[in-house]
Amino acid sequence: EHLHRFIEVNQAWKVLSNKETNSKRGFDLQLRAGELNQSWPVDARVSLDDMTYGDDNEVYAYGCCCGGEFSIGREAGDENAIVRCDTCSLSIRKSLGCSLKSVLF
C-alpha cells in the first residue's frame, strides 16, 4: 500500500513539475473527473421543495448547519444527485419526492 501511494505521488510530481507540456491541465481534468465520480457519504436527503430557488441564477439552494450552502443547478435532473456543501465536508442527496425537512446533525 505504501509503495502504491509512493508511485502515485511520484507520478503526480513528474506531471506537475513538467513545465514544457500541457500535462498539468490533463492531470487537473483527470482529477476533477475522479472527484465528480466519487461516491460521498450522504448526511441527509433533501427534497427540492425544501430548497430555495433563485430566479436570477436558476439555482436551488439549501443552508448547511455550518453556515455554508448546498447549491444545485436547475438542469441537474438526476434524482440521485449528491450535492456537497460549499464550505464544509457535508453532503446531501437531492430528492424529487414529497417534502421532508431534513436536519443535519
C-alpha atoms as a PDB file:
ATOM      1  CA  GLU A   1       0.000   0.000   0.000  1.00  0.00           C
ATOM      2  CA  HIS A   2       2.830   2.433   0.812  1.00  0.00           C
ATOM      3  CA  LEU A   3       4.561   1.567  -2.456  1.00  0.00           C
ATOM      4  CA  HIS A   4       1.357   2.230  -4.399  1.00  0.00           C
ATOM      5  CA  ARG A   5       0.979   5.619  -2.695  1.00  0.00           C
ATOM      6  CA  PHE A   6       4.622   6.476  -3.423  1.00  0.00           C
ATOM      7  CA  ILE A   7       4.140   5.650  -7.106  1.00  0.00           C
ATOM      8  CA  GLU A   8       1.045   7.890  -7.253  1.00  0.00           C
ATOM      9  CA  VAL A   9       2.859  10.789  -5.581  1.00  0.00           C
ATOM     10  CA  ASN A  10       5.912  10.332  -7.807  1.00  0.00           C
ATOM     11  CA  GLN A  11       3.738  10.305 -10.931  1.00  0.00           C
ATOM     12  CA  ALA A  12       1.923  13.451  -9.788  1.00  0.00           C
ATOM     13  CA  TRP A  13       5.229  15.204  -9.101  1.00  0.00           C
ATOM     14  CA  LYS A  14       6.516  14.339 -12.581  1.00  0.00           C
ATOM     15  CA  VAL A  15       3.358  15.667 -14.222  1.00  0.00           C
ATOM     16  CA  LEU A  16       3.179  18.848 -12.166  1.00  0.00           C
ATOM     17  CA  SER A  17       6.875  19.666 -12.467  1.00  0.00           C
ATOM     18  CA  ASN A  18       6.942  19.329 -16.276  1.00  0.00           C
ATOM     19  CA  LYS A  19       6.513  22.909 -17.499  1.00  0.00           C
ATOM     20  CA  GLU A  20       7.130  22.121 -21.172  1.00  0.00           C
ATOM     21  CA  THR A  21       3.980  20.086 -21.713  1.00  0.00           C
ATOM     22  CA  ASN A  22       0.320  20.538 -21.019  1.00  0.00           C
ATOM     23  CA  SER A  23       0.431  17.620 -18.581  1.00  0.00           C
ATOM     24  CA  LYS A  24      -0.781  19.661 -15.619  1.00  0.00           C
ATOM     25  CA  ARG A  25      -4.010  20.573 -17.401  1.00  0.00           C
ATOM     26  CA  GLY A  26      -4.614  16.918 -18.267  1.00  0.00           C
ATOM     27  CA  PHE A  27      -3.846  15.929 -14.696  1.00  0.00           C
ATOM     28  CA  ASP A  28      -6.278  18.569 -13.374  1.00  0.00           C
ATOM     29  CA  LEU A  29      -9.012  17.368 -15.731  1.00  0.00           C
ATOM     30  CA  GLN A  30      -8.451  13.752 -14.717  1.00  0.00           C
ATOM     31  CA  LEU A  31      -8.523  14.709 -11.034  1.00  0.00           C
ATOM     32  CA  ARG A  32     -11.751  16.675 -11.474  1.00  0.00           C
ATOM     33  CA  ALA A  33     -13.394  13.779 -13.327  1.00  0.00           C
ATOM     34  CA  GLY A  34     -12.445  11.465 -10.473  1.00  0.00           C
ATOM     35  CA  GLU A  35     -13.937  13.866  -7.944  1.00  0.00           C
ATOM     36  CA  LEU A  36     -17.192  14.020  -9.874  1.00  0.00           C
ATOM     37  CA  ASN A  37     -17.436  10.220  -9.963  1.00  0.00           C
ATOM     38  CA  GLN A  38     -16.508   9.764  -6.312  1.00  0.00           C
ATOM     39  CA  SER A  39     -19.235   8.434  -4.094  1.00  0.00           C
ATOM     40  CA  TRP A  40     -19.622  10.522  -0.969  1.00  0.00           C
ATOM     41  CA  PRO A  41     -21.338   9.657   2.291  1.00  0.00           C
ATOM     42  CA  VAL A  42     -24.760  11.293   2.368  1.00  0.00           C
ATOM     43  CA  ASP A  43     -25.637  13.201   5.535  1.00  0.00           C
ATOM     44  CA  ALA A  44     -29.262  13.971   4.618  1.00  0.00           C
ATOM     45  CA  ARG A  45     -31.859  13.620   1.889  1.00  0.00           C
ATOM     46  CA  VAL A  46     -33.452  16.932   0.917  1.00  0.00           C
ATOM     47  CA  SER A  47     -36.421  17.496  -1.371  1.00  0.00           C
ATOM     48  CA  LEU A  48     -36.344  20.242  -3.981  1.00  0.00           C
ATOM     49  CA  ASP A  49     -39.473  21.552  -2.239  1.00  0.00           C
ATOM     50  CA  ASP A  50     -37.330  22.277   0.826  1.00  0.00           C
ATOM     51  CA  MET A  51     -34.742  24.197  -1.194  1.00  0.00           C
ATOM     52  CA  THR A  52     -34.926  27.865  -2.125  1.00  0.00           C
ATOM     53  CA  TYR A  53     -34.951  28.594  -5.841  1.00  0.00           C
ATOM     54  CA  GLY A  54     -33.164  31.701  -7.069  1.00  0.00           C
ATOM     55  CA  ASP A  55     -34.733  33.000 -10.280  1.00  0.00           C
ATOM     56  CA  ASP A  56     -31.770  35.247 -11.016  1.00  0.00           C
ATOM     57  CA  ASN A  57     -29.173  32.452 -11.104  1.00  0.00           C
ATOM     58  CA  GLU A  58     -31.504  29.438 -11.654  1.00  0.00           C
ATOM     59  CA  VAL A  59     -30.014  27.557  -8.704  1.00  0.00           C
ATOM     60  CA  TYR A  60     -31.663  25.648  -5.893  1.00  0.00           C
ATOM     61  CA  ALA A  61     -30.011  26.361  -2.533  1.00  0.00           C
ATOM     62  CA  TYR A  62     -30.245  24.768   0.908  1.00  0.00           C
ATOM     63  CA  GLY A  63     -28.489  26.064   4.021  1.00  0.00           C
ATOM     64  CA  CYS A  64     -25.984  23.880   5.850  1.00  0.00           C
ATOM     65  CA  CYS A  65     -25.539  23.780   9.623  1.00  0.00           C
ATOM     66  CA  CYS A  66     -22.001  25.178   9.182  1.00  0.00           C
ATOM     67  CA  GLY A  67     -23.333  28.366   7.593  1.00  0.00           C
ATOM     68  CA  GLY A  68     -22.415  27.234   4.088  1.00  0.00           C
ATOM     69  CA  GLU A  69     -24.778  26.281   1.328  1.00  0.00           C
ATOM     70  CA  PHE A  70     -25.699  23.344  -0.867  1.00  0.00           C
ATOM     71  CA  SER A  71     -26.345  24.582  -4.421  1.00  0.00           C
ATOM     72  CA  ILE A  72     -27.617  22.712  -7.432  1.00  0.00           C
ATOM     73  CA  GLY A  73     -28.488  23.973 -10.890  1.00  0.00           C
ATOM     74  CA  ARG A  74     -31.984  23.624 -12.276  1.00  0.00           C
ATOM     75  CA  GLU A  75     -30.730  21.493 -15.158  1.00  0.00           C
ATOM     76  CA  ALA A  76     -29.397  18.797 -12.790  1.00  0.00           C
ATOM     77  CA  GLY A  77     -32.337  16.444 -13.128  1.00  0.00           C
ATOM     78  CA  ASP A  78     -30.767  13.316 -11.639  1.00  0.00           C
ATOM     79  CA  GLU A  79     -32.819  12.355  -8.592  1.00  0.00           C
ATOM     80  CA  ASN A  80     -29.799  10.715  -7.003  1.00  0.00           C
ATOM     81  CA  ALA A  81     -27.531  13.749  -7.352  1.00  0.00           C
ATOM     82  CA  ILE A  82     -25.240  14.223  -4.370  1.00  0.00           C
ATOM     83  CA  VAL A  83     -24.507  17.848  -3.554  1.00  0.00           C
ATOM     84  CA  ARG A  84     -21.603  18.921  -1.354  1.00  0.00           C
ATOM     85  CA  CYS A  85     -21.615  21.961   0.911  1.00  0.00           C
ATOM     86  CA  ASP A  86     -19.543  24.845  -0.415  1.00  0.00           C
ATOM     87  CA  THR A  87     -17.906  25.321   2.994  1.00  0.00           C
ATOM     88  CA  CYS A  88     -17.603  22.000   4.829  1.00  0.00           C
ATOM     89  CA  SER A  89     -17.488  18.281   4.031  1.00  0.00           C
ATOM     90  CA  LEU A  90     -21.197  17.514   4.479  1.00  0.00           C
ATOM     91  CA  SER A  91     -23.265  16.350   1.535  1.00  0.00           C
ATOM     92  CA  ILE A  92     -26.938  15.834   0.761  1.00  0.00           C
ATOM     93  CA  ARG A  93     -28.816  13.721  -1.748  1.00  0.00           C
ATOM     94  CA  LYS A  94     -31.350  15.626  -3.820  1.00  0.00           C
ATOM     95  CA  SER A  95     -34.781  14.084  -3.835  1.00  0.00           C
ATOM     96  CA  LEU A  96     -37.669  14.896  -6.156  1.00  0.00           C
ATOM     97  CA  GLY A  97     -40.295  13.329  -3.912  1.00  0.00           C
ATOM     98  CA  CYS A  98     -42.503  14.728  -1.196  1.00  0.00           C
ATOM     99  CA  SER A  99     -41.267  17.469   1.090  1.00  0.00           C
ATOM    100  CA  LEU A 100     -39.473  16.058   4.109  1.00  0.00           C
ATOM    101  CA  LYS A 101     -37.417  18.512   6.159  1.00  0.00           C
ATOM    102  CA  SER A 102     -34.014  17.012   6.879  1.00  0.00           C
ATOM    103  CA  VAL A 103     -31.915  18.029   9.841  1.00  0.00           C
ATOM    104  CA  LEU A 104     -28.155  17.714   9.661  1.00  0.00           C
ATOM    105  CA  PHE A 105     -26.712  16.647  12.997  1.00  0.00           C
END
